[in-house]
């Protein structure tokens, strides 16, 4: 039981010592574009002296749609479509103000949704 208590104490101490943290959530329909965006974010954060954790791939969200092929008689004929939303999560630990400013002014590829939260 003492090992479990020590690991809990270590994790709480790590949370206290971590200081400020920036969490970046990235969403895109294309996996190649999202990987390029992750690479540019990580490069700029490391260039400005911040520690980066990630990118962590989150589960891909799949939306499926069925559309009737004909408008009137042939109700059983339908086409299926699927939209995949790829997601990544990046944590930046102890960022300097210079690193935060550089992250806010990034030029990312179109089709990438970036959500930045500061803790």
PDB file of N, CA and C in Angstrom:
ATOM      1  N   UNK A   1       0.811  -1.193   0.000  1.00  0.00           N
ATOM      2  CA  UNK A   1       0.000   0.000   0.000  1.00  0.00           C
ATOM      3  C   UNK A   1       0.857   1.260   0.000  1.00  0.00           C
ATOM      4  N   UNK A   2       2.050   1.193   0.521  1.00  0.00           N
ATOM      5  CA  UNK A   2       2.883   2.390   0.573  1.00  0.00           C
ATOM      6  C   UNK A   2       3.341   2.810  -0.819  1.00  0.00           C
ATOM      7  N   UNK A   3       3.508   1.852  -1.729  1.00  0.00           N
ATOM      8  CA  UNK A   3       3.926   2.235  -3.084  1.00  0.00           C
ATOM      9  C   UNK A   3       2.834   3.011  -3.790  1.00  0.00           C
ATOM     10  N   UNK A   4       1.582   2.641  -3.564  1.00  0.00           N
ATOM     11  CA  UNK A   4       0.472   3.367  -4.185  1.00  0.00           C
ATOM     12  C   UNK A   4       0.390   4.792  -3.633  1.00  0.00           C
ATOM     13  N   UNK A   5       0.601   4.937  -2.328  1.00  0.00           N
ATOM     14  CA  UNK A   5       0.550   6.265  -1.725  1.00  0.00           C
ATOM     15  C   UNK A   5       1.689   7.148  -2.221  1.00  0.00           C
ATOM     16  N   UNK A   6       2.874   6.559  -2.391  1.00  0.00           N
ATOM     17  CA  UNK A   6       4.002   7.363  -2.862  1.00  0.00           C
ATOM     18  C   UNK A   6       3.801   7.793  -4.305  1.00  0.00           C
ATOM     19  N   UNK A   7       3.204   6.930  -5.151  1.00  0.00           N
ATOM     20  CA  UNK A   7       2.979   7.335  -6.541  1.00  0.00           C
ATOM     21  C   UNK A   7       1.936   8.440  -6.621  1.00  0.00           C
ATOM     22  N   UNK A   8       0.918   8.387  -5.756  1.00  0.00           N
ATOM     23  CA  UNK A   8      -0.092   9.458  -5.740  1.00  0.00           C
ATOM     24  C   UNK A   8       0.541  10.766  -5.291  1.00  0.00           C
ATOM     25  N   UNK A   9       1.414  10.711  -4.288  1.00  0.00           N
ATOM     26  CA  UNK A   9       2.076  11.921  -3.817  1.00  0.00           C
ATOM     27  C   UNK A   9       3.001  12.489  -4.886  1.00  0.00           C
ATOM     28  N   UNK A  10       3.696  11.607  -5.631  1.00  0.00           N
ATOM     29  CA  UNK A  10       4.600  12.067  -6.683  1.00  0.00           C
ATOM     30  C   UNK A  10       3.823  12.763  -7.791  1.00  0.00           C
ATOM     31  N   UNK A  11       2.668  12.220  -8.178  1.00  0.00           N
ATOM     32  CA  UNK A  11       1.893  12.846  -9.249  1.00  0.00           C
ATOM     33  C   UNK A  11       1.335  14.189  -8.811  1.00  0.00           C
ATOM     34  N   UNK A  12       0.914  14.314  -7.544  1.00  0.00           N
ATOM     35  CA  UNK A  12       0.414  15.609  -7.081  1.00  0.00           C
ATOM     36  C   UNK A  12       1.546  16.621  -6.988  1.00  0.00           C
ATOM     37  N   UNK A  13       2.741  16.180  -6.613  1.00  0.00           N
ATOM     38  CA  UNK A  13       3.881  17.095  -6.566  1.00  0.00           C
ATOM     39  C   UNK A  13       4.267  17.542  -7.969  1.00  0.00           C
ATOM     40  N   UNK A  14       4.195  16.636  -8.939  1.00  0.00           N
ATOM     41  CA  UNK A  14       4.518  17.008 -10.316  1.00  0.00           C
ATOM     42  C   UNK A  14       3.528  18.037 -10.836  1.00  0.00           C
ATOM     43  N   UNK A  15       2.251  17.911 -10.482  1.00  0.00           N
ATOM     44  CA  UNK A  15       1.250  18.880 -10.909  1.00  0.00           C
ATOM     45  C   UNK A  15       1.524  20.252 -10.301  1.00  0.00           C
ATOM     46  N   UNK A  16       1.961  20.275  -9.035  1.00  0.00           N
ATOM     47  CA  UNK A  16       2.234  21.548  -8.385  1.00  0.00           C
ATOM     48  C   UNK A  16       3.458  22.224  -8.988  1.00  0.00           C
ATOM     49  N   UNK A  17       4.480  21.442  -9.327  1.00  0.00           N
ATOM     50  CA  UNK A  17       5.721  21.992  -9.837  1.00  0.00           C
ATOM     51  C   UNK A  17       5.638  22.367 -11.308  1.00  0.00           C
ATOM     52  N   UNK A  18       4.645  21.854 -12.033  1.00  0.00           N
ATOM     53  CA  UNK A  18       4.616  22.044 -13.472  1.00  0.00           C
ATOM     54  C   UNK A  18       4.438  23.507 -13.856  1.00  0.00           C
ATOM     55  N   UNK A  19       3.731  24.285 -13.082  1.00  0.00           N
ATOM     56  CA  UNK A  19       3.558  25.695 -13.401  1.00  0.00           C
ATOM     57  C   UNK A  19       2.559  25.890 -14.528  1.00  0.00           C
ATOM     58  N   UNK A  20       2.757  26.947 -15.327  1.00  0.00           N
ATOM     59  CA  UNK A  20       1.794  27.209 -16.407  1.00  0.00           C
ATOM     60  C   UNK A  20       1.882  26.155 -17.500  1.00  0.00           C
ATOM     61  N   UNK A  21       0.740  25.929 -18.132  1.00  0.00           N
ATOM     62  CA  UNK A  21       0.673  24.912 -19.178  1.00  0.00           C
ATOM     63  C   UNK A  21      -0.260  25.416 -20.266  1.00  0.00           C
ATOM     64  N   UNK A  22       0.106  25.137 -21.515  1.00  0.00           N
ATOM     65  CA  UNK A  22      -0.733  25.476 -22.652  1.00  0.00           C
ATOM     66  C   UNK A  22      -1.171  24.175 -23.296  1.00  0.00           C
ATOM     67  N   UNK A  23      -2.480  24.001 -23.469  1.00  0.00           N
ATOM     68  CA  UNK A  23      -3.021  22.805 -24.110  1.00  0.00           C
ATOM     69  C   UNK A  23      -3.584  23.204 -25.472  1.00  0.00           C
ATOM     70  N   UNK A  24      -3.117  22.522 -26.514  1.00  0.00           N
ATOM     71  CA  UNK A  24      -3.528  22.829 -27.879  1.00  0.00           C
ATOM     72  C   UNK A  24      -4.269  21.627 -28.445  1.00  0.00           C
ATOM     73  N   UNK A  25      -5.511  21.858 -28.877  1.00  0.00           N
ATOM     74  CA  UNK A  25      -6.299  20.819 -29.537  1.00  0.00           C
ATOM     75  C   UNK A  25      -6.372  21.157 -31.013  1.00  0.00           C
ATOM     76  N   UNK A  26      -6.043  20.179 -31.850  1.00  0.00           N
ATOM     77  CA  UNK A  26      -6.000  20.385 -33.286  1.00  0.00           C
ATOM     78  C   UNK A  26      -6.982  19.419 -33.931  1.00  0.00           C
ATOM     79  N   UNK A  27      -7.808  19.925 -34.858  1.00  0.00           N
ATOM     80  CA  UNK A  27      -8.782  19.103 -35.581  1.00  0.00           C
ATOM     81  C   UNK A  27      -8.652  19.390 -37.058  1.00  0.00           C
ATOM     82  N   UNK A  28      -8.763  18.339 -37.887  1.00  0.00           N
ATOM     83  CA  UNK A  28      -8.733  18.509 -39.339  1.00  0.00           C
ATOM     84  C   UNK A  28      -9.359  17.286 -39.984  1.00  0.00           C
ATOM     85  N   UNK A  29      -9.773  17.453 -41.237  1.00  0.00           N
ATOM     86  CA  UNK A  29     -10.349  16.347 -41.988  1.00  0.00           C
ATOM     87  C   UNK A  29      -9.281  15.493 -42.665  1.00  0.00           C
ATOM     88  N   UNK A  30      -8.094  16.042 -42.878  1.00  0.00           N
ATOM     89  CA  UNK A  30      -7.018  15.336 -43.572  1.00  0.00           C
ATOM     90  C   UNK A  30      -5.886  15.055 -42.594  1.00  0.00           C
ATOM     91  N   UNK A  31      -5.415  13.804 -42.550  1.00  0.00           N
ATOM     92  CA  UNK A  31      -4.384  13.445 -41.577  1.00  0.00           C
ATOM     93  C   UNK A  31      -3.015  14.017 -41.940  1.00  0.00           C
ATOM     94  N   UNK A  32      -2.728  14.239 -43.213  1.00  0.00           N
ATOM     95  CA  UNK A  32      -1.429  14.796 -43.603  1.00  0.00           C
ATOM     96  C   UNK A  32      -1.321  16.252 -43.179  1.00  0.00           C
ATOM     97  N   UNK A  33      -2.404  16.990 -43.331  1.00  0.00           N
ATOM     98  CA  UNK A  33      -2.398  18.407 -42.947  1.00  0.00           C
ATOM     99  C   UNK A  33      -2.256  18.556 -41.439  1.00  0.00           C
ATOM    100  N   UNK A  34      -2.913  17.689 -40.691  1.00  0.00           N
ATOM    101  CA  UNK A  34      -2.845  17.794 -39.231  1.00  0.00           C
ATOM    102  C   UNK A  34      -1.449  17.444 -38.720  1.00  0.00           C
ATOM    103  N   UNK A  35      -0.766  16.520 -39.385  1.00  0.00           N
ATOM    104  CA  UNK A  35       0.605  16.193 -38.995  1.00  0.00           C
ATOM    105  C   UNK A  35       1.554  17.355 -39.281  1.00  0.00           C
ATOM    106  N   UNK A  36       1.355  18.051 -40.407  1.00  0.00           N
ATOM    107  CA  UNK A  36       2.185  19.223 -40.719  1.00  0.00           C
ATOM    108  C   UNK A  36       1.964  20.322 -39.688  1.00  0.00           C
ATOM    109  N   UNK A  37       0.712  20.537 -39.304  1.00  0.00           N
ATOM    110  CA  UNK A  37       0.402  21.566 -38.312  1.00  0.00           C
ATOM    111  C   UNK A  37       1.027  21.232 -36.961  1.00  0.00           C
ATOM    112  N   UNK A  38       0.977  19.960 -36.567  1.00  0.00           N
ATOM    113  CA  UNK A  38       1.592  19.530 -35.302  1.00  0.00           C
ATOM    114  C   UNK A  38       3.098  19.761 -35.336  1.00  0.00           C
ATOM    115  N   UNK A  39       3.715  19.451 -36.463  1.00  0.00           N
ATOM    116  CA  UNK A  39       5.160  19.622 -36.588  1.00  0.00           C
ATOM    117  C   UNK A  39       5.551  21.089 -36.467  1.00  0.00           C
ATOM    118  N   UNK A  40       4.799  21.998 -37.099  1.00  0.00           N
ATOM    119  CA  UNK A  40       5.132  23.421 -37.002  1.00  0.00           C
ATOM    120  C   UNK A  40       4.929  23.947 -35.587  1.00  0.00           C
ATOM    121  N   UNK A  41       3.891  23.482 -34.904  1.00  0.00           N
ATOM    122  CA  UNK A  41       3.649  23.922 -33.521  1.00  0.00           C
ATOM    123  C   UNK A  41       4.763  23.439 -32.604  1.00  0.00           C
ATOM    124  N   UNK A  42       5.168  22.182 -32.753  1.00  0.00           N
ATOM    125  CA  UNK A  42       6.228  21.626 -31.906  1.00  0.00           C
ATOM    126  C   UNK A  42       7.552  22.320 -32.178  1.00  0.00           C
ATOM    127  N   UNK A  43       7.858  22.578 -33.449  1.00  0.00           N
ATOM    128  CA  UNK A  43       9.114  23.247 -33.787  1.00  0.00           C
ATOM    129  C   UNK A  43       9.183  24.653 -33.197  1.00  0.00           C
ATOM    130  N   UNK A  44       8.101  25.411 -33.289  1.00  0.00           N
ATOM    131  CA  UNK A  44       8.119  26.770 -32.745  1.00  0.00           C
ATOM    132  C   UNK A  44       8.199  26.771 -31.221  1.00  0.00           C
ATOM    133  N   UNK A  45       7.543  25.822 -30.582  1.00  0.00           N
ATOM    134  CA  UNK A  45       7.597  25.754 -29.112  1.00  0.00           C
ATOM    135  C   UNK A  45       8.996  25.382 -28.635  1.00  0.00           C
ATOM    136  N   UNK A  46       9.623  24.406 -29.292  1.00  0.00           N
ATOM    137  CA  UNK A  46      10.968  23.996 -28.878  1.00  0.00           C
ATOM    138  C   UNK A  46      12.001  25.067 -29.209  1.00  0.00           C
ATOM    139  N   UNK A  47      11.796  25.803 -30.299  1.00  0.00           N
ATOM    140  CA  UNK A  47      12.715  26.874 -30.667  1.00  0.00           C
ATOM    141  C   UNK A  47      12.709  27.980 -29.630  1.00  0.00           C
ATOM    142  N   UNK A  48      11.567  28.180 -28.965  1.00  0.00           N
ATOM    143  CA  UNK A  48      11.444  29.226 -27.949  1.00  0.00           C
ATOM    144  C   UNK A  48      11.685  28.713 -26.534  1.00  0.00           C
ATOM    145  N   UNK A  49      12.178  27.506 -26.393  1.00  0.00           N
ATOM    146  CA  UNK A  49      12.609  27.004 -25.091  1.00  0.00           C
ATOM    147  C   UNK A  49      11.509  26.445 -24.212  1.00  0.00           C
ATOM    148  N   UNK A  50      10.478  25.850 -24.775  1.00  0.00           N
ATOM    149  CA  UNK A  50       9.409  25.246 -23.985  1.00  0.00           C
ATOM    150  C   UNK A  50       9.456  23.732 -24.151  1.00  0.00           C
ATOM    151  N   UNK A  51       9.030  23.016 -23.124  1.00  0.00           N
ATOM    152  CA  UNK A  51       8.986  21.559 -23.187  1.00  0.00           C
ATOM    153  C   UNK A  51       7.645  21.133 -23.780  1.00  0.00           C
ATOM    154  N   UNK A  52       7.690  20.203 -24.741  1.00  0.00           N
ATOM    155  CA  UNK A  52       6.496  19.785 -25.463  1.00  0.00           C
ATOM    156  C   UNK A  52       6.175  18.336 -25.126  1.00  0.00           C
ATOM    157  N   UNK A  53       4.902  18.060 -24.836  1.00  0.00           N
ATOM    158  CA  UNK A  53       4.413  16.704 -24.628  1.00  0.00           C
ATOM    159  C   UNK A  53       3.390  16.429 -25.722  1.00  0.00           C
ATOM    160  N   UNK A  54       3.679  15.458 -26.562  1.00  0.00           N
ATOM    161  CA  UNK A  54       2.730  15.125 -27.627  1.00  0.00           C
ATOM    162  C   UNK A  54       3.404  15.161 -28.974  1.00  0.00           C
ATOM    163  N   UNK A  55       2.682  15.085 -30.022  1.00  0.00           N
ATOM    164  CA  UNK A  55       1.235  15.084 -30.165  1.00  0.00           C
ATOM    165  C   UNK A  55       0.605  13.740 -29.800  1.00  0.00           C
ATOM    166  N   UNK A  56      -0.486  13.804 -29.078  1.00  0.00           N
ATOM    167  CA  UNK A  56      -1.226  12.618 -28.680  1.00  0.00           C
ATOM    168  C   UNK A  56      -2.398  12.453 -29.642  1.00  0.00           C
ATOM    169  N   UNK A  57      -2.443  11.354 -30.400  1.00  0.00           N
ATOM    170  CA  UNK A  57      -3.585  11.168 -31.303  1.00  0.00           C
ATOM    171  C   UNK A  57      -4.828  10.758 -30.529  1.00  0.00           C
ATOM    172  N   UNK A  58      -5.884  11.521 -30.693  1.00  0.00           N
ATOM    173  CA  UNK A  58      -7.168  11.206 -30.082  1.00  0.00           C
ATOM    174  C   UNK A  58      -7.995  10.386 -31.064  1.00  0.00           C
ATOM    175  N   UNK A  59      -9.034   9.717 -30.608  1.00  0.00           N
ATOM    176  CA  UNK A  59      -9.834   8.892 -31.520  1.00  0.00           C
ATOM    177  C   UNK A  59     -10.439   9.701 -32.663  1.00  0.00           C
ATOM    178  N   UNK A  60     -10.431   9.095 -33.836  1.00  0.00           N
ATOM    179  CA  UNK A  60     -10.976   9.743 -35.020  1.00  0.00           C
ATOM    180  C   UNK A  60     -12.493   9.677 -34.980  1.00  0.00           C
ATOM    181  N   UNK A  61     -13.132  10.827 -35.173  1.00  0.00           N
ATOM    182  CA  UNK A  61     -14.588  10.893 -35.160  1.00  0.00           C
ATOM    183  C   UNK A  61     -15.097  10.622 -36.571  1.00  0.00           C
ATOM    184  N   UNK A  62     -15.995   9.651 -36.711  1.00  0.00           N
ATOM    185  CA  UNK A  62     -16.523   9.276 -38.016  1.00  0.00           C
ATOM    186  C   UNK A  62     -18.012   9.588 -38.078  1.00  0.00           C
ATOM    187  N   UNK A  63     -18.383  10.438 -39.009  1.00  0.00           N
ATOM    188  CA  UNK A  63     -19.795  10.744 -39.251  1.00  0.00           C
ATOM    189  C   UNK A  63     -20.202  10.085 -40.549  1.00  0.00           C
ATOM    190  N   UNK A  64     -21.249   9.252 -40.507  1.00  0.00           N
ATOM    191  CA  UNK A  64     -21.707   8.542 -41.690  1.00  0.00           C
ATOM    192  C   UNK A  64     -23.084   9.050 -42.094  1.00  0.00           C
ATOM    193  N   UNK A  65     -23.262   9.229 -43.417  1.00  0.00           N
ATOM    194  CA  UNK A  65     -24.511   9.718 -43.969  1.00  0.00           C
ATOM    195  C   UNK A  65     -24.985   8.781 -45.058  1.00  0.00           C
ATOM    196  N   UNK A  66     -26.285   8.531 -45.117  1.00  0.00           N
ATOM    197  CA  UNK A  66     -26.894   7.779 -46.218  1.00  0.00           C
ATOM    198  C   UNK A  66     -27.832   8.706 -46.961  1.00  0.00           C
ATOM    199  N   UNK A  67     -27.665   8.748 -48.274  1.00  0.00           N
ATOM    200  CA  UNK A  67     -28.459   9.631 -49.121  1.00  0.00           C
ATOM    201  C   UNK A  67     -29.138   8.781 -50.182  1.00  0.00           C
ATOM    202  N   UNK A  68     -30.450   9.002 -50.388  1.00  0.00           N
ATOM    203  CA  UNK A  68     -31.166   8.268 -51.429  1.00  0.00           C
ATOM    204  C   UNK A  68     -30.618   8.647 -52.805  1.00  0.00           C
ATOM    205  N   UNK A  69     -30.438   7.628 -53.649  1.00  0.00           N
ATOM    206  CA  UNK A  69     -29.942   7.874 -54.994  1.00  0.00           C
ATOM    207  C   UNK A  69     -31.025   8.462 -55.887  1.00  0.00           C
ATOM    208  N   UNK A  70     -32.203   7.946 -55.784  1.00  0.00           N
ATOM    209  CA  UNK A  70     -33.326   8.423 -56.594  1.00  0.00           C
ATOM    210  C   UNK A  70     -34.258   9.250 -55.718  1.00  0.00           C
ATOM    211  N   UNK A  71     -35.010  10.123 -56.351  1.00  0.00           N
ATOM    212  CA  UNK A  71     -35.902  10.983 -55.576  1.00  0.00           C
ATOM    213  C   UNK A  71     -37.287  10.390 -55.387  1.00  0.00           C
ATOM    214  N   UNK A  72     -37.690   9.425 -56.239  1.00  0.00           N
ATOM    215  CA  UNK A  72     -39.087   9.018 -56.189  1.00  0.00           C
ATOM    216  C   UNK A  72     -39.286   7.527 -55.964  1.00  0.00           C
ATOM    217  N   UNK A  73     -38.945   6.664 -56.910  1.00  0.00           N
ATOM    218  CA  UNK A  73     -39.368   5.268 -56.871  1.00  0.00           C
ATOM    219  C   UNK A  73     -38.378   4.367 -56.139  1.00  0.00           C
ATOM    220  N   UNK A  74     -37.104   4.476 -56.448  1.00  0.00           N
ATOM    221  CA  UNK A  74     -36.105   3.519 -55.961  1.00  0.00           C
ATOM    222  C   UNK A  74     -35.607   3.915 -54.568  1.00  0.00           C
ATOM    223  N   UNK A  75     -36.401   3.555 -53.563  1.00  0.00           N
ATOM    224  CA  UNK A  75     -36.066   3.955 -52.200  1.00  0.00           C
ATOM    225  C   UNK A  75     -34.936   3.118 -51.603  1.00  0.00           C
ATOM    226  N   UNK A  76     -34.718   1.910 -52.101  1.00  0.00           N
ATOM    227  CA  UNK A  76     -33.695   1.052 -51.515  1.00  0.00           C
ATOM    228  C   UNK A  76     -32.304   1.409 -52.011  1.00  0.00           C
ATOM    229  N   UNK A  77     -32.180   2.121 -53.124  1.00  0.00           N
ATOM    230  CA  UNK A  77     -30.870   2.498 -53.647  1.00  0.00           C
ATOM    231  C   UNK A  77     -30.393   3.750 -52.921  1.00  0.00           C
ATOM    232  N   UNK A  78     -29.287   3.621 -52.202  1.00  0.00           N
ATOM    233  CA  UNK A  78     -28.759   4.775 -51.478  1.00  0.00           C
ATOM    234  C   UNK A  78     -27.243   4.771 -51.544  1.00  0.00           C
ATOM    235  N   UNK A  79     -26.654   5.946 -51.346  1.00  0.00           N
ATOM    236  CA  UNK A  79     -25.206   6.108 -51.316  1.00  0.00           C
ATOM    237  C   UNK A  79     -24.794   6.471 -49.899  1.00  0.00           C
ATOM    238  N   UNK A  80     -23.655   5.917 -49.466  1.00  0.00           N
ATOM    239  CA  UNK A  80     -23.144   6.194 -48.127  1.00  0.00           C
ATOM    240  C   UNK A  80     -21.901   7.085 -48.233  1.00  0.00           C
ATOM    241  N   UNK A  81     -21.858   8.073 -47.362  1.00  0.00           N
ATOM    242  CA  UNK A  81     -20.707   8.974 -47.277  1.00  0.00           C
ATOM    243  C   UNK A  81     -20.197   8.979 -45.846  1.00  0.00           C
ATOM    244  N   UNK A  82     -18.903   9.293 -45.705  1.00  0.00           N
ATOM    245  CA  UNK A  82     -18.284   9.307 -44.389  1.00  0.00           C
ATOM    246  C   UNK A  82     -17.355  10.501 -44.285  1.00  0.00           C
ATOM    247  N   UNK A  83     -17.439  11.218 -43.177  1.00  0.00           N
ATOM    248  CA  UNK A  83     -16.525  12.315 -42.887  1.00  0.00           C
ATOM    249  C   UNK A  83     -15.716  11.911 -41.662  1.00  0.00           C
ATOM    250  N   UNK A  84     -14.400  11.918 -41.790  1.00  0.00           N
ATOM    251  CA  UNK A  84     -13.518  11.590 -40.674  1.00  0.00           C
ATOM    252  C   UNK A  84     -12.877  12.864 -40.147  1.00  0.00           C
ATOM    253  N   UNK A  85     -12.952  13.064 -38.846  1.00  0.00           N
ATOM    254  CA  UNK A  85     -12.324  14.207 -38.201  1.00  0.00           C
ATOM    255  C   UNK A  85     -11.180  13.691 -37.345  1.00  0.00           C
ATOM    256  N   UNK A  86      -9.954  14.022 -37.743  1.00  0.00           N
ATOM    257  CA  UNK A  86      -8.760  13.604 -37.009  1.00  0.00           C
ATOM    258  C   UNK A  86      -8.455  14.641 -35.941  1.00  0.00           C
ATOM    259  N   UNK A  87      -8.003  14.180 -34.765  1.00  0.00           N
ATOM    260  CA  UNK A  87      -7.747  15.072 -33.645  1.00  0.00           C
ATOM    261  C   UNK A  87      -6.380  14.760 -33.036  1.00  0.00           C
ATOM    262  N   UNK A  88      -5.702  15.810 -32.590  1.00  0.00           N
ATOM    263  CA  UNK A  88      -4.428  15.675 -31.890  1.00  0.00           C
ATOM    264  C   UNK A  88      -4.445  16.598 -30.677  1.00  0.00           C
ATOM    265  N   UNK A  89      -3.628  16.249 -29.677  1.00  0.00           N
ATOM    266  CA  UNK A  89      -3.531  17.019 -28.446  1.00  0.00           C
ATOM    267  C   UNK A  89      -2.056  17.255 -28.148  1.00  0.00           C
ATOM    268  N   UNK A  90      -1.691  18.509 -27.918  1.00  0.00           N
ATOM    269  CA  UNK A  90      -0.299  18.863 -27.606  1.00  0.00           C
ATOM    270  C   UNK A  90      -0.314  19.682 -26.325  1.00  0.00           C
ATOM    271  N   UNK A  91       0.549  19.313 -25.371  1.00  0.00           N
ATOM    272  CA  UNK A  91       0.730  20.088 -24.141  1.00  0.00           C
ATOM    273  C   UNK A  91       2.100  20.746 -24.186  1.00  0.00           C
ATOM    274  N   UNK A  92       2.136  22.026 -23.847  1.00  0.00           N
ATOM    275  CA  UNK A  92       3.395  22.757 -23.777  1.00  0.00           C
ATOM    276  C   UNK A  92       3.575  23.192 -22.332  1.00  0.00           C
ATOM    277  N   UNK A  93       4.655  22.708 -21.708  1.00  0.00           N
ATOM    278  CA  UNK A  93       4.904  22.959 -20.292  1.00  0.00           C
ATOM    279  C   UNK A  93       5.881  24.112 -20.122  1.00  0.00           C
ATOM    280  N   UNK A  94       5.615  24.959 -19.154  1.00  0.00           N
ATOM    281  CA  UNK A  94       6.445  26.111 -18.806  1.00  0.00           C
ATOM    282  C   UNK A  94       6.797  26.977 -20.019  1.00  0.00           C
ATOM    283  N   UNK A  95       5.798  27.478 -20.743  1.00  0.00           N
ATOM    284  CA  UNK A  95       6.116  28.317 -21.906  1.00  0.00           C
ATOM    285  C   UNK A  95       6.500  29.734 -21.473  1.00  0.00           C
ATOM    286  N   UNK A  96       7.458  30.306 -22.169  1.00  0.00           N
ATOM    287  CA  UNK A  96       7.828  31.694 -21.926  1.00  0.00           C
ATOM    288  C   UNK A  96       6.826  32.599 -22.649  1.00  0.00           C
ATOM    289  N   UNK A  97       6.750  33.868 -22.273  1.00  0.00           N
ATOM    290  CA  UNK A  97       5.849  34.779 -22.995  1.00  0.00           C
ATOM    291  C   UNK A  97       6.195  34.885 -24.487  1.00  0.00           C
ATOM    292  N   UNK A  98       7.471  34.748 -24.797  1.00  0.00           N
ATOM    293  CA  UNK A  98       7.901  34.775 -26.187  1.00  0.00           C
ATOM    294  C   UNK A  98       7.347  33.563 -26.945  1.00  0.00           C
ATOM    295  N   UNK A  99       7.334  32.398 -26.286  1.00  0.00           N
ATOM    296  CA  UNK A  99       6.810  31.183 -26.918  1.00  0.00           C
ATOM    297  C   UNK A  99       5.296  31.282 -27.123  1.00  0.00           C
ATOM    298  N   UNK A 100       4.591  31.846 -26.164  1.00  0.00           N
ATOM    299  CA  UNK A 100       3.131  31.998 -26.293  1.00  0.00           C
ATOM    300  C   UNK A 100       2.800  32.951 -27.429  1.00  0.00           C
ATOM    301  N   UNK A 101       3.565  34.050 -27.526  1.00  0.00           N
ATOM    302  CA  UNK A 101       3.342  35.009 -28.609  1.00  0.00           C
ATOM    303  C   UNK A 101       3.621  34.372 -29.965  1.00  0.00           C
ATOM    304  N   UNK A 102       4.665  33.549 -30.052  1.00  0.00           N
ATOM    305  CA  UNK A 102       4.985  32.871 -31.312  1.00  0.00           C
ATOM    306  C   UNK A 102       3.896  31.868 -31.684  1.00  0.00           C
ATOM    307  N   UNK A 103       3.312  31.180 -30.701  1.00  0.00           N
ATOM    308  CA  UNK A 103       2.241  30.225 -30.976  1.00  0.00           C
ATOM    309  C   UNK A 103       0.962  30.927 -31.444  1.00  0.00           C
ATOM    310  N   UNK A 104       0.696  32.111 -30.917  1.00  0.00           N
ATOM    311  CA  UNK A 104      -0.502  32.838 -31.319  1.00  0.00           C
ATOM    312  C   UNK A 104      -0.396  33.349 -32.753  1.00  0.00           C
ATOM    313  N   UNK A 105       0.822  33.614 -33.220  1.00  0.00           N
ATOM    314  CA  UNK A 105       1.020  34.191 -34.544  1.00  0.00           C
ATOM    315  C   UNK A 105       1.447  33.163 -35.587  1.00  0.00           C
ATOM    316  N   UNK A 106       1.155  31.891 -35.358  1.00  0.00           N
ATOM    317  CA  UNK A 106       1.550  30.843 -36.312  1.00  0.00           C
ATOM    318  C   UNK A 106       0.706  30.903 -37.576  1.00  0.00           C
ATOM    319  N   UNK A 107       1.334  30.564 -38.686  1.00  0.00           N
ATOM    320  CA  UNK A 107       0.634  30.464 -39.959  1.00  0.00           C
ATOM    321  C   UNK A 107       0.485  28.983 -40.286  1.00  0.00           C
ATOM    322  N   UNK A 108      -0.704  28.427 -40.008  1.00  0.00           N
ATOM    323  CA  UNK A 108      -0.958  27.000 -40.204  1.00  0.00           C
ATOM    324  C   UNK A 108      -1.696  26.776 -41.515  1.00  0.00           C
ATOM    325  N   UNK A 109      -1.637  25.544 -42.063  1.00  0.00           N
ATOM    326  CA  UNK A 109      -2.343  25.260 -43.314  1.00  0.00           C
ATOM    327  C   UNK A 109      -3.852  25.421 -43.153  1.00  0.00           C
ATOM    328  N   UNK A 110      -4.514  25.744 -44.259  1.00  0.00           N
ATOM    329  CA  UNK A 110      -5.963  25.915 -44.209  1.00  0.00           C
ATOM    330  C   UNK A 110      -6.628  24.561 -43.998  1.00  0.00           C
ATOM    331  N   UNK A 111      -7.754  24.551 -43.326  1.00  0.00           N
ATOM    332  CA  UNK A 111      -8.461  23.312 -43.023  1.00  0.00           C
ATOM    333  C   UNK A 111      -8.104  22.736 -41.678  1.00  0.00           C
ATOM    334  N   UNK A 112      -7.322  23.486 -40.879  1.00  0.00           N
ATOM    335  CA  UNK A 112      -6.914  23.036 -39.547  1.00  0.00           C
ATOM    336  C   UNK A 112      -7.573  23.936 -38.513  1.00  0.00           C
ATOM    337  N   UNK A 113      -8.277  23.333 -37.562  1.00  0.00           N
ATOM    338  CA  UNK A 113      -8.913  24.073 -36.470  1.00  0.00           C
ATOM    339  C   UNK A 113      -8.051  23.921 -35.232  1.00  0.00           C
ATOM    340  N   UNK A 114      -7.581  25.043 -34.684  1.00  0.00           N
ATOM    341  CA  UNK A 114      -6.688  25.037 -33.526  1.00  0.00           C
ATOM    342  C   UNK A 114      -7.386  25.724 -32.367  1.00  0.00           C
ATOM    343  N   UNK A 115      -7.374  25.042 -31.208  1.00  0.00           N
ATOM    344  CA  UNK A 115      -7.962  25.589 -29.991  1.00  0.00           C
ATOM    345  C   UNK A 115      -6.874  25.619 -28.930  1.00  0.00           C
ATOM    346  N   UNK A 116      -6.555  26.799 -28.427  1.00  0.00           N
ATOM    347  CA  UNK A 116      -5.466  26.965 -27.455  1.00  0.00           C
ATOM    348  C   UNK A 116      -6.066  27.359 -26.114  1.00  0.00           C
ATOM    349  N   UNK A 117      -5.731  26.590 -25.066  1.00  0.00           N
ATOM    350  CA  UNK A 117      -6.175  26.901 -23.708  1.00  0.00           C
ATOM    351  C   UNK A 117      -4.956  27.032 -22.819  1.00  0.00           C
ATOM    352  N   UNK A 118      -5.005  28.017 -21.936  1.00  0.00           N
ATOM    353  CA  UNK A 118      -3.909  28.222 -20.988  1.00  0.00           C
ATOM    354  C   UNK A 118      -4.391  27.846 -19.592  1.00  0.00           C
ATOM    355  N   UNK A 119      -3.602  27.049 -18.892  1.00  0.00           N
ATOM    356  CA  UNK A 119      -3.943  26.634 -17.521  1.00  0.00           C
ATOM    357  C   UNK A 119      -2.957  27.215 -16.544  1.00  0.00           C
TER     358      UNK A 119
END
